[in-house]
């Protein structure tokens, strides 16, 4: 039987930031407005995702996303703060919550 393994906050182009990962390896990527979060938090997640998507040049996915490492770190810090809020809001739904940084490092928040 398939069980909920974890929630994951990971940015991917044209995807929502929160992923639901199942024990069979499948993952769902629902609109944050259907996760049971506050409307404010869901709206901030959607806006953050939109800002991330806007960083990409659809004609050149290899182009740098940020002008500086400080700008990248600030964006990542904002994501980690949002992820912590989501982890708290979804506590009890999954055994763990993982934040994937822009450097592809996984940080277990719960």
PDB file of N, CA and C in Angstrom:
ATOM      1  N   UNK A   1       0.835  -1.183   0.000  1.00  0.00           N
ATOM      2  CA  UNK A   1       0.000   0.000   0.000  1.00  0.00           C
ATOM      3  C   UNK A   1       0.883   1.251   0.000  1.00  0.00           C
ATOM      4  N   UNK A   2       0.517   2.191  -0.792  1.00  0.00           N
ATOM      5  CA  UNK A   2       1.249   3.448  -0.913  1.00  0.00           C
ATOM      6  C   UNK A   2       0.992   4.332   0.309  1.00  0.00           C
ATOM      7  N   UNK A   3       2.070   4.882   0.871  1.00  0.00           N
ATOM      8  CA  UNK A   3       1.938   5.786   2.019  1.00  0.00           C
ATOM      9  C   UNK A   3       2.674   7.089   1.736  1.00  0.00           C
ATOM     10  N   UNK A   4       2.277   8.114   2.450  1.00  0.00           N
ATOM     11  CA  UNK A   4       2.899   9.427   2.318  1.00  0.00           C
ATOM     12  C   UNK A   4       4.264   9.388   2.990  1.00  0.00           C
ATOM     13  N   UNK A   5       5.294   9.648   2.218  1.00  0.00           N
ATOM     14  CA  UNK A   5       6.662   9.596   2.723  1.00  0.00           C
ATOM     15  C   UNK A   5       7.121  10.941   3.266  1.00  0.00           C
ATOM     16  N   UNK A   6       6.913  12.012   2.464  1.00  0.00           N
ATOM     17  CA  UNK A   6       7.363  13.329   2.903  1.00  0.00           C
ATOM     18  C   UNK A   6       6.723  14.425   2.064  1.00  0.00           C
ATOM     19  N   UNK A   7       6.767  15.621   2.619  1.00  0.00           N
ATOM     20  CA  UNK A   7       6.519  16.840   1.859  1.00  0.00           C
ATOM     21  C   UNK A   7       7.887  17.416   1.545  1.00  0.00           C
ATOM     22  N   UNK A   8       8.014  17.994   0.359  1.00  0.00           N
ATOM     23  CA  UNK A   8       9.294  18.540  -0.073  1.00  0.00           C
ATOM     24  C   UNK A   8       9.058  19.914  -0.673  1.00  0.00           C
ATOM     25  N   UNK A   9       9.889  20.876  -0.293  1.00  0.00           N
ATOM     26  CA  UNK A   9       9.868  22.212  -0.882  1.00  0.00           C
ATOM     27  C   UNK A   9      11.055  22.262  -1.822  1.00  0.00           C
ATOM     28  N   UNK A  10      10.767  22.245  -3.131  1.00  0.00           N
ATOM     29  CA  UNK A  10      11.836  22.228  -4.125  1.00  0.00           C
ATOM     30  C   UNK A  10      11.377  22.993  -5.354  1.00  0.00           C
ATOM     31  N   UNK A  11      12.163  23.949  -5.766  1.00  0.00           N
ATOM     32  CA  UNK A  11      11.811  24.765  -6.926  1.00  0.00           C
ATOM     33  C   UNK A  11      12.199  24.070  -8.228  1.00  0.00           C
ATOM     34  N   UNK A  12      11.252  24.019  -9.123  1.00  0.00           N
ATOM     35  CA  UNK A  12      11.453  23.510 -10.477  1.00  0.00           C
ATOM     36  C   UNK A  12      10.710  24.455 -11.408  1.00  0.00           C
ATOM     37  N   UNK A  13      11.277  24.696 -12.554  1.00  0.00           N
ATOM     38  CA  UNK A  13      10.652  25.593 -13.519  1.00  0.00           C
ATOM     39  C   UNK A  13       9.252  25.094 -13.890  1.00  0.00           C
ATOM     40  N   UNK A  14       8.294  25.996 -13.840  1.00  0.00           N
ATOM     41  CA  UNK A  14       6.892  25.724 -14.198  1.00  0.00           C
ATOM     42  C   UNK A  14       6.213  24.703 -13.295  1.00  0.00           C
ATOM     43  N   UNK A  15       6.647  24.615 -12.045  1.00  0.00           N
ATOM     44  CA  UNK A  15       6.029  23.725 -11.061  1.00  0.00           C
ATOM     45  C   UNK A  15       5.743  24.513  -9.785  1.00  0.00           C
ATOM     46  N   UNK A  16       4.850  23.980  -8.976  1.00  0.00           N
ATOM     47  CA  UNK A  16       4.608  24.570  -7.656  1.00  0.00           C
ATOM     48  C   UNK A  16       5.764  24.198  -6.740  1.00  0.00           C
ATOM     49  N   UNK A  17       6.012  24.955  -5.672  1.00  0.00           N
ATOM     50  CA  UNK A  17       7.181  24.653  -4.831  1.00  0.00           C
ATOM     51  C   UNK A  17       7.013  23.475  -3.872  1.00  0.00           C
ATOM     52  N   UNK A  18       5.779  23.056  -3.572  1.00  0.00           N
ATOM     53  CA  UNK A  18       5.582  21.971  -2.609  1.00  0.00           C
ATOM     54  C   UNK A  18       5.253  20.675  -3.356  1.00  0.00           C
ATOM     55  N   UNK A  19       5.973  19.639  -2.972  1.00  0.00           N
ATOM     56  CA  UNK A  19       5.802  18.309  -3.563  1.00  0.00           C
ATOM     57  C   UNK A  19       5.342  17.343  -2.484  1.00  0.00           C
ATOM     58  N   UNK A  20       4.518  16.392  -2.868  1.00  0.00           N
ATOM     59  CA  UNK A  20       4.096  15.312  -1.979  1.00  0.00           C
ATOM     60  C   UNK A  20       4.762  14.052  -2.529  1.00  0.00           C
ATOM     61  N   UNK A  21       5.614  13.441  -1.721  1.00  0.00           N
ATOM     62  CA  UNK A  21       6.382  12.279  -2.160  1.00  0.00           C
ATOM     63  C   UNK A  21       5.810  11.027  -1.485  1.00  0.00           C
ATOM     64  N   UNK A  22       5.541  10.024  -2.294  1.00  0.00           N
ATOM     65  CA  UNK A  22       4.920   8.783  -1.835  1.00  0.00           C
ATOM     66  C   UNK A  22       5.956   7.665  -1.720  1.00  0.00           C
ATOM     67  N   UNK A  23       5.628   6.663  -0.939  1.00  0.00           N
ATOM     68  CA  UNK A  23       6.539   5.545  -0.696  1.00  0.00           C
ATOM     69  C   UNK A  23       6.862   4.757  -1.960  1.00  0.00           C
ATOM     70  N   UNK A  24       6.021   4.821  -2.981  1.00  0.00           N
ATOM     71  CA  UNK A  24       6.290   4.093  -4.225  1.00  0.00           C
ATOM     72  C   UNK A  24       7.154   4.897  -5.200  1.00  0.00           C
ATOM     73  N   UNK A  25       7.632   6.061  -4.755  1.00  0.00           N
ATOM     74  CA  UNK A  25       8.489   6.897  -5.580  1.00  0.00           C
ATOM     75  C   UNK A  25       7.750   7.942  -6.390  1.00  0.00           C
ATOM     76  N   UNK A  26       6.434   7.861  -6.446  1.00  0.00           N
ATOM     77  CA  UNK A  26       5.643   8.863  -7.166  1.00  0.00           C
ATOM     78  C   UNK A  26       5.648  10.167  -6.375  1.00  0.00           C
ATOM     79  N   UNK A  27       5.432  11.263  -7.102  1.00  0.00           N
ATOM     80  CA  UNK A  27       5.364  12.581  -6.459  1.00  0.00           C
ATOM     81  C   UNK A  27       4.239  13.386  -7.097  1.00  0.00           C
ATOM     82  N   UNK A  28       3.490  14.067  -6.270  1.00  0.00           N
ATOM     83  CA  UNK A  28       2.449  14.983  -6.730  1.00  0.00           C
ATOM     84  C   UNK A  28       2.934  16.401  -6.480  1.00  0.00           C
ATOM     85  N   UNK A  29       2.475  17.326  -7.302  1.00  0.00           N
ATOM     86  CA  UNK A  29       2.893  18.720  -7.216  1.00  0.00           C
ATOM     87  C   UNK A  29       1.652  19.610  -7.266  1.00  0.00           C
ATOM     88  N   UNK A  30       0.881  19.628  -6.160  1.00  0.00           N
ATOM     89  CA  UNK A  30      -0.395  20.341  -6.178  1.00  0.00           C
ATOM     90  C   UNK A  30      -0.259  21.859  -6.048  1.00  0.00           C
ATOM     91  N   UNK A  31      -1.231  22.534  -6.582  1.00  0.00           N
ATOM     92  CA  UNK A  31      -1.377  23.969  -6.364  1.00  0.00           C
ATOM     93  C   UNK A  31      -1.415  24.189  -4.846  1.00  0.00           C
ATOM     94  N   UNK A  32      -0.637  25.134  -4.316  1.00  0.00           N
ATOM     95  CA  UNK A  32      -0.622  25.332  -2.861  1.00  0.00           C
ATOM     96  C   UNK A  32      -1.980  25.708  -2.282  1.00  0.00           C
ATOM     97  N   UNK A  33      -2.887  26.194  -3.102  1.00  0.00           N
ATOM     98  CA  UNK A  33      -4.207  26.578  -2.614  1.00  0.00           C
ATOM     99  C   UNK A  33      -5.074  25.377  -2.246  1.00  0.00           C
ATOM    100  N   UNK A  34      -4.661  24.157  -2.606  1.00  0.00           N
ATOM    101  CA  UNK A  34      -5.452  22.970  -2.260  1.00  0.00           C
ATOM    102  C   UNK A  34      -4.802  22.148  -1.143  1.00  0.00           C
ATOM    103  N   UNK A  35      -3.761  22.667  -0.529  1.00  0.00           N
ATOM    104  CA  UNK A  35      -3.041  21.932   0.517  1.00  0.00           C
ATOM    105  C   UNK A  35      -3.586  22.154   1.918  1.00  0.00           C
ATOM    106  N   UNK A  36      -4.585  23.015   2.051  1.00  0.00           N
ATOM    107  CA  UNK A  36      -5.106  23.310   3.380  1.00  0.00           C
ATOM    108  C   UNK A  36      -4.313  24.380   4.110  1.00  0.00           C
ATOM    109  N   UNK A  37      -3.520  25.132   3.376  1.00  0.00           N
ATOM    110  CA  UNK A  37      -2.751  26.242   3.954  1.00  0.00           C
ATOM    111  C   UNK A  37      -3.637  27.478   4.027  1.00  0.00           C
ATOM    112  N   UNK A  38      -3.218  28.463   4.779  1.00  0.00           N
ATOM    113  CA  UNK A  38      -3.950  29.725   4.777  1.00  0.00           C
ATOM    114  C   UNK A  38      -3.874  30.325   3.379  1.00  0.00           C
ATOM    115  N   UNK A  39      -4.861  31.110   3.032  1.00  0.00           N
ATOM    116  CA  UNK A  39      -4.877  31.753   1.714  1.00  0.00           C
ATOM    117  C   UNK A  39      -3.645  32.636   1.540  1.00  0.00           C
ATOM    118  N   UNK A  40      -3.239  33.318   2.608  1.00  0.00           N
ATOM    119  CA  UNK A  40      -2.074  34.191   2.539  1.00  0.00           C
ATOM    120  C   UNK A  40      -0.807  33.394   2.224  1.00  0.00           C
ATOM    121  N   UNK A  41      -0.596  32.283   2.924  1.00  0.00           N
ATOM    122  CA  UNK A  41       0.596  31.476   2.692  1.00  0.00           C
ATOM    123  C   UNK A  41       0.568  30.863   1.292  1.00  0.00           C
ATOM    124  N   UNK A  42      -0.570  30.367   0.870  1.00  0.00           N
ATOM    125  CA  UNK A  42      -0.687  29.799  -0.480  1.00  0.00           C
ATOM    126  C   UNK A  42      -0.398  30.859  -1.539  1.00  0.00           C
ATOM    127  N   UNK A  43      -0.896  32.062  -1.324  1.00  0.00           N
ATOM    128  CA  UNK A  43      -0.636  33.155  -2.275  1.00  0.00           C
ATOM    129  C   UNK A  43       0.853  33.511  -2.321  1.00  0.00           C
ATOM    130  N   UNK A  44       1.501  33.532  -1.158  1.00  0.00           N
ATOM    131  CA  UNK A  44       2.934  33.850  -1.125  1.00  0.00           C
ATOM    132  C   UNK A  44       3.765  32.759  -1.800  1.00  0.00           C
ATOM    133  N   UNK A  45       3.360  31.497  -1.636  1.00  0.00           N
ATOM    134  CA  UNK A  45       4.042  30.406  -2.322  1.00  0.00           C
ATOM    135  C   UNK A  45       3.898  30.532  -3.840  1.00  0.00           C
ATOM    136  N   UNK A  46       2.688  30.838  -4.279  1.00  0.00           N
ATOM    137  CA  UNK A  46       2.449  30.996  -5.719  1.00  0.00           C
ATOM    138  C   UNK A  46       3.263  32.165  -6.274  1.00  0.00           C
ATOM    139  N   UNK A  47       3.321  33.261  -5.540  1.00  0.00           N
ATOM    140  CA  UNK A  47       4.083  34.433  -5.989  1.00  0.00           C
ATOM    141  C   UNK A  47       5.581  34.122  -6.025  1.00  0.00           C
ATOM    142  N   UNK A  48       6.072  33.389  -5.031  1.00  0.00           N
ATOM    143  CA  UNK A  48       7.487  33.007  -4.993  1.00  0.00           C
ATOM    144  C   UNK A  48       7.812  32.115  -6.193  1.00  0.00           C
ATOM    145  N   UNK A  49       6.945  31.167  -6.467  1.00  0.00           N
ATOM    146  CA  UNK A  49       7.126  30.285  -7.616  1.00  0.00           C
ATOM    147  C   UNK A  49       7.114  31.072  -8.924  1.00  0.00           C
ATOM    148  N   UNK A  50       6.207  32.024  -9.038  1.00  0.00           N
ATOM    149  CA  UNK A  50       6.142  32.869 -10.238  1.00  0.00           C
ATOM    150  C   UNK A  50       7.435  33.667 -10.417  1.00  0.00           C
ATOM    151  N   UNK A  51       7.966  34.187  -9.316  1.00  0.00           N
ATOM    152  CA  UNK A  51       9.218  34.946  -9.400  1.00  0.00           C
ATOM    153  C   UNK A  51      10.373  34.045  -9.833  1.00  0.00           C
ATOM    154  N   UNK A  52      10.380  32.811  -9.333  1.00  0.00           N
ATOM    155  CA  UNK A  52      11.415  31.864  -9.746  1.00  0.00           C
ATOM    156  C   UNK A  52      11.302  31.570 -11.243  1.00  0.00           C
ATOM    157  N   UNK A  53      10.103  31.295 -11.708  1.00  0.00           N
ATOM    158  CA  UNK A  53       9.896  31.003 -13.132  1.00  0.00           C
ATOM    159  C   UNK A  53      10.329  32.178 -14.005  1.00  0.00           C
ATOM    160  N   UNK A  54      10.099  33.386 -13.528  1.00  0.00           N
ATOM    161  CA  UNK A  54      10.442  34.581 -14.314  1.00  0.00           C
ATOM    162  C   UNK A  54      11.954  34.771 -14.451  1.00  0.00           C
ATOM    163  N   UNK A  55      12.732  34.093 -13.623  1.00  0.00           N
ATOM    164  CA  UNK A  55      14.187  34.202 -13.708  1.00  0.00           C
ATOM    165  C   UNK A  55      14.748  33.491 -14.934  1.00  0.00           C
ATOM    166  N   UNK A  56      14.015  32.520 -15.430  1.00  0.00           N
ATOM    167  CA  UNK A  56      14.499  31.715 -16.557  1.00  0.00           C
ATOM    168  C   UNK A  56      14.271  32.410 -17.882  1.00  0.00           C
ATOM    169  N   UNK A  57      15.238  32.233 -18.743  1.00  0.00           N
ATOM    170  CA  UNK A  57      15.115  32.643 -20.138  1.00  0.00           C
ATOM    171  C   UNK A  57      14.695  31.388 -20.895  1.00  0.00           C
ATOM    172  N   UNK A  58      13.455  31.315 -21.366  1.00  0.00           N
ATOM    173  CA  UNK A  58      12.995  30.086 -22.023  1.00  0.00           C
ATOM    174  C   UNK A  58      13.797  29.725 -23.272  1.00  0.00           C
ATOM    175  N   UNK A  59      14.545  30.670 -23.804  1.00  0.00           N
ATOM    176  CA  UNK A  59      15.390  30.390 -24.965  1.00  0.00           C
ATOM    177  C   UNK A  59      16.795  29.947 -24.568  1.00  0.00           C
ATOM    178  N   UNK A  60      17.130  30.084 -23.272  1.00  0.00           N
ATOM    179  CA  UNK A  60      18.464  29.701 -22.810  1.00  0.00           C
ATOM    180  C   UNK A  60      18.406  29.318 -21.333  1.00  0.00           C
ATOM    181  N   UNK A  61      18.081  28.048 -21.081  1.00  0.00           N
ATOM    182  CA  UNK A  61      17.969  27.581 -19.701  1.00  0.00           C
ATOM    183  C   UNK A  61      19.319  27.493 -18.992  1.00  0.00           C
ATOM    184  N   UNK A  62      20.402  27.731 -19.701  1.00  0.00           N
ATOM    185  CA  UNK A  62      21.717  27.700 -19.076  1.00  0.00           C
ATOM    186  C   UNK A  62      22.169  29.075 -18.588  1.00  0.00           C
ATOM    187  N   UNK A  63      21.403  30.117 -18.910  1.00  0.00           N
ATOM    188  CA  UNK A  63      21.765  31.475 -18.486  1.00  0.00           C
ATOM    189  C   UNK A  63      21.694  31.574 -16.956  1.00  0.00           C
ATOM    190  N   UNK A  64      22.591  32.331 -16.340  1.00  0.00           N
ATOM    191  CA  UNK A  64      22.551  32.501 -14.879  1.00  0.00           C
ATOM    192  C   UNK A  64      21.208  33.106 -14.438  1.00  0.00           C
ATOM    193  N   UNK A  65      20.725  32.628 -13.292  1.00  0.00           N
ATOM    194  CA  UNK A  65      19.440  33.110 -12.786  1.00  0.00           C
ATOM    195  C   UNK A  65      19.580  34.372 -11.946  1.00  0.00           C
ATOM    196  N   UNK A  66      20.728  34.539 -11.318  1.00  0.00           N
ATOM    197  CA  UNK A  66      20.919  35.643 -10.383  1.00  0.00           C
ATOM    198  C   UNK A  66      22.145  36.462 -10.773  1.00  0.00           C
ATOM    199  N   UNK A  67      22.083  37.749 -10.489  1.00  0.00           N
ATOM    200  CA  UNK A  67      23.188  38.649 -10.818  1.00  0.00           C
ATOM    201  C   UNK A  67      24.375  38.469  -9.868  1.00  0.00           C
ATOM    202  N   UNK A  68      24.092  37.970  -8.658  1.00  0.00           N
ATOM    203  CA  UNK A  68      25.169  37.809  -7.673  1.00  0.00           C
ATOM    204  C   UNK A  68      24.838  36.658  -6.730  1.00  0.00           C
ATOM    205  N   UNK A  69      25.859  36.195  -6.023  1.00  0.00           N
ATOM    206  CA  UNK A  69      25.635  35.131  -5.039  1.00  0.00           C
ATOM    207  C   UNK A  69      24.790  35.649  -3.874  1.00  0.00           C
ATOM    208  N   UNK A  70      24.914  36.926  -3.559  1.00  0.00           N
ATOM    209  CA  UNK A  70      24.105  37.512  -2.481  1.00  0.00           C
ATOM    210  C   UNK A  70      22.625  37.513  -2.861  1.00  0.00           C
ATOM    211  N   UNK A  71      22.339  37.810  -4.127  1.00  0.00           N
ATOM    212  CA  UNK A  71      20.953  37.805  -4.597  1.00  0.00           C
ATOM    213  C   UNK A  71      20.383  36.378  -4.550  1.00  0.00           C
ATOM    214  N   UNK A  72      21.196  35.431  -4.954  1.00  0.00           N
ATOM    215  CA  UNK A  72      20.769  34.024  -4.903  1.00  0.00           C
ATOM    216  C   UNK A  72      20.518  33.589  -3.467  1.00  0.00           C
ATOM    217  N   UNK A  73      21.410  33.956  -2.563  1.00  0.00           N
ATOM    218  CA  UNK A  73      21.260  33.571  -1.162  1.00  0.00           C
ATOM    219  C   UNK A  73      20.009  34.195  -0.560  1.00  0.00           C
ATOM    220  N   UNK A  74      19.730  35.439  -0.889  1.00  0.00           N
ATOM    221  CA  UNK A  74      18.534  36.107  -0.382  1.00  0.00           C
ATOM    222  C   UNK A  74      17.266  35.393  -0.861  1.00  0.00           C
ATOM    223  N   UNK A  75      17.245  35.015  -2.123  1.00  0.00           N
ATOM    224  CA  UNK A  75      16.089  34.297  -2.676  1.00  0.00           C
ATOM    225  C   UNK A  75      15.941  32.941  -1.993  1.00  0.00           C
ATOM    226  N   UNK A  76      17.044  32.248  -1.789  1.00  0.00           N
ATOM    227  CA  UNK A  76      17.030  30.948  -1.117  1.00  0.00           C
ATOM    228  C   UNK A  76      16.571  31.083   0.332  1.00  0.00           C
ATOM    229  N   UNK A  77      17.036  32.118   1.018  1.00  0.00           N
ATOM    230  CA  UNK A  77      16.626  32.359   2.407  1.00  0.00           C
ATOM    231  C   UNK A  77      15.117  32.591   2.495  1.00  0.00           C
ATOM    232  N   UNK A  78      14.578  33.339   1.550  1.00  0.00           N
ATOM    233  CA  UNK A  78      13.133  33.563   1.518  1.00  0.00           C
ATOM    234  C   UNK A  78      12.399  32.228   1.333  1.00  0.00           C
ATOM    235  N   UNK A  79      12.919  31.391   0.458  1.00  0.00           N
ATOM    236  CA  UNK A  79      12.310  30.081   0.244  1.00  0.00           C
ATOM    237  C   UNK A  79      12.355  29.222   1.495  1.00  0.00           C
ATOM    238  N   UNK A  80      13.469  29.259   2.196  1.00  0.00           N
ATOM    239  CA  UNK A  80      13.580  28.461   3.429  1.00  0.00           C
ATOM    240  C   UNK A  80      12.593  28.948   4.489  1.00  0.00           C
ATOM    241  N   UNK A  81      12.395  30.251   4.571  1.00  0.00           N
ATOM    242  CA  UNK A  81      11.408  30.800   5.508  1.00  0.00           C
ATOM    243  C   UNK A  81      10.001  30.331   5.139  1.00  0.00           C
ATOM    244  N   UNK A  82       9.671  30.401   3.855  1.00  0.00           N
ATOM    245  CA  UNK A  82       8.367  29.906   3.397  1.00  0.00           C
ATOM    246  C   UNK A  82       8.231  28.411   3.682  1.00  0.00           C
ATOM    247  N   UNK A  83       9.282  27.659   3.413  1.00  0.00           N
ATOM    248  CA  UNK A  83       9.248  26.215   3.651  1.00  0.00           C
ATOM    249  C   UNK A  83       8.990  25.900   5.122  1.00  0.00           C
ATOM    250  N   UNK A  84       9.611  26.650   6.018  1.00  0.00           N
ATOM    251  CA  UNK A  84       9.391  26.434   7.450  1.00  0.00           C
ATOM    252  C   UNK A  84       7.936  26.706   7.826  1.00  0.00           C
ATOM    253  N   UNK A  85       7.340  27.731   7.227  1.00  0.00           N
ATOM    254  CA  UNK A  85       5.926  28.020   7.479  1.00  0.00           C
ATOM    255  C   UNK A  85       5.030  26.901   6.969  1.00  0.00           C
ATOM    256  N   UNK A  86       5.347  26.388   5.788  1.00  0.00           N
ATOM    257  CA  UNK A  86       4.567  25.281   5.227  1.00  0.00           C
ATOM    258  C   UNK A  86       4.740  24.033   6.085  1.00  0.00           C
ATOM    259  N   UNK A  87       5.967  23.754   6.510  1.00  0.00           N
ATOM    260  CA  UNK A  87       6.225  22.586   7.360  1.00  0.00           C
ATOM    261  C   UNK A  87       5.397  22.650   8.635  1.00  0.00           C
ATOM    262  N   UNK A  88       5.323  23.820   9.237  1.00  0.00           N
ATOM    263  CA  UNK A  88       4.522  23.980  10.455  1.00  0.00           C
ATOM    264  C   UNK A  88       3.035  23.791  10.163  1.00  0.00           C
ATOM    265  N   UNK A  89       2.581  24.342   9.055  1.00  0.00           N
ATOM    266  CA  UNK A  89       1.159  24.255   8.703  1.00  0.00           C
ATOM    267  C   UNK A  89       0.739  22.828   8.356  1.00  0.00           C
ATOM    268  N   UNK A  90       1.661  22.039   7.819  1.00  0.00           N
ATOM    269  CA  UNK A  90       1.337  20.672   7.411  1.00  0.00           C
ATOM    270  C   UNK A  90       1.816  19.625   8.425  1.00  0.00           C
ATOM    271  N   UNK A  91       2.230  20.076   9.596  1.00  0.00           N
ATOM    272  CA  UNK A  91       2.714  19.154  10.622  1.00  0.00           C
ATOM    273  C   UNK A  91       1.675  18.066  10.881  1.00  0.00           C
ATOM    274  N   UNK A  92       2.150  16.849  11.011  1.00  0.00           N
ATOM    275  CA  UNK A  92       1.270  15.731  11.290  1.00  0.00           C
ATOM    276  C   UNK A  92       0.748  15.031  10.042  1.00  0.00           C
ATOM    277  N   UNK A  93       0.946  15.621   8.872  1.00  0.00           N
ATOM    278  CA  UNK A  93       0.462  14.985   7.651  1.00  0.00           C
ATOM    279  C   UNK A  93       1.482  14.019   7.054  1.00  0.00           C
ATOM    280  N   UNK A  94       2.751  14.306   7.209  1.00  0.00           N
ATOM    281  CA  UNK A  94       3.810  13.456   6.656  1.00  0.00           C
ATOM    282  C   UNK A  94       4.904  13.304   7.705  1.00  0.00           C
ATOM    283  N   UNK A  95       5.635  12.176   7.681  1.00  0.00           N
ATOM    284  CA  UNK A  95       6.684  11.963   8.682  1.00  0.00           C
ATOM    285  C   UNK A  95       7.796  12.999   8.650  1.00  0.00           C
ATOM    286  N   UNK A  96       8.033  13.598   7.479  1.00  0.00           N
ATOM    287  CA  UNK A  96       9.094  14.601   7.426  1.00  0.00           C
ATOM    288  C   UNK A  96       8.813  15.641   6.348  1.00  0.00           C
ATOM    289  N   UNK A  97       9.530  16.759   6.486  1.00  0.00           N
ATOM    290  CA  UNK A  97       9.429  17.860   5.533  1.00  0.00           C
ATOM    291  C   UNK A  97      10.851  18.258   5.165  1.00  0.00           C
ATOM    292  N   UNK A  98      11.129  18.290   3.868  1.00  0.00           N
ATOM    293  CA  UNK A  98      12.476  18.564   3.381  1.00  0.00           C
ATOM    294  C   UNK A  98      12.481  19.839   2.549  1.00  0.00           C
ATOM    295  N   UNK A  99      13.454  20.683   2.805  1.00  0.00           N
ATOM    296  CA  UNK A  99      13.688  21.881   1.996  1.00  0.00           C
ATOM    297  C   UNK A  99      14.893  21.612   1.117  1.00  0.00           C
ATOM    298  N   UNK A 100      14.719  21.772  -0.198  1.00  0.00           N
ATOM    299  CA  UNK A 100      15.854  21.648  -1.121  1.00  0.00           C
ATOM    300  C   UNK A 100      16.311  23.055  -1.487  1.00  0.00           C
ATOM    301  N   UNK A 101      17.547  23.377  -1.138  1.00  0.00           N
ATOM    302  CA  UNK A 101      18.085  24.705  -1.424  1.00  0.00           C
ATOM    303  C   UNK A 101      18.376  24.840  -2.917  1.00  0.00           C
ATOM    304  N   UNK A 102      18.645  26.059  -3.339  1.00  0.00           N
ATOM    305  CA  UNK A 102      19.013  26.299  -4.729  1.00  0.00           C
ATOM    306  C   UNK A 102      20.343  25.641  -5.090  1.00  0.00           C
ATOM    307  N   UNK A 103      21.114  25.273  -4.075  1.00  0.00           N
ATOM    308  CA  UNK A 103      22.379  24.551  -4.287  1.00  0.00           C
ATOM    309  C   UNK A 103      22.145  23.035  -4.284  1.00  0.00           C
ATOM    310  N   UNK A 104      20.864  22.620  -4.334  1.00  0.00           N
ATOM    311  CA  UNK A 104      20.470  21.215  -4.345  1.00  0.00           C
ATOM    312  C   UNK A 104      20.890  20.471  -3.081  1.00  0.00           C
ATOM    313  N   UNK A 105      20.899  21.176  -1.970  1.00  0.00           N
ATOM    314  CA  UNK A 105      21.162  20.539  -0.665  1.00  0.00           C
ATOM    315  C   UNK A 105      19.837  20.327   0.033  1.00  0.00           C
ATOM    316  N   UNK A 106      19.611  19.117   0.515  1.00  0.00           N
ATOM    317  CA  UNK A 106      18.378  18.806   1.251  1.00  0.00           C
ATOM    318  C   UNK A 106      18.568  19.087   2.726  1.00  0.00           C
ATOM    319  N   UNK A 107      17.628  19.840   3.288  1.00  0.00           N
ATOM    320  CA  UNK A 107      17.631  20.148   4.715  1.00  0.00           C
ATOM    321  C   UNK A 107      16.312  19.652   5.295  1.00  0.00           C
ATOM    322  N   UNK A 108      16.380  18.730   6.250  1.00  0.00           N
ATOM    323  CA  UNK A 108      15.174  18.209   6.886  1.00  0.00           C
ATOM    324  C   UNK A 108      14.713  19.232   7.920  1.00  0.00           C
ATOM    325  N   UNK A 109      13.530  19.781   7.704  1.00  0.00           N
ATOM    326  CA  UNK A 109      12.988  20.778   8.624  1.00  0.00           C
ATOM    327  C   UNK A 109      12.108  20.152   9.696  1.00  0.00           C
ATOM    328  N   UNK A 110      11.624  18.961   9.413  1.00  0.00           N
ATOM    329  CA  UNK A 110      10.806  18.241  10.388  1.00  0.00           C
ATOM    330  C   UNK A 110      10.866  16.786  10.049  1.00  0.00           C
TER     331      UNK A 110
END
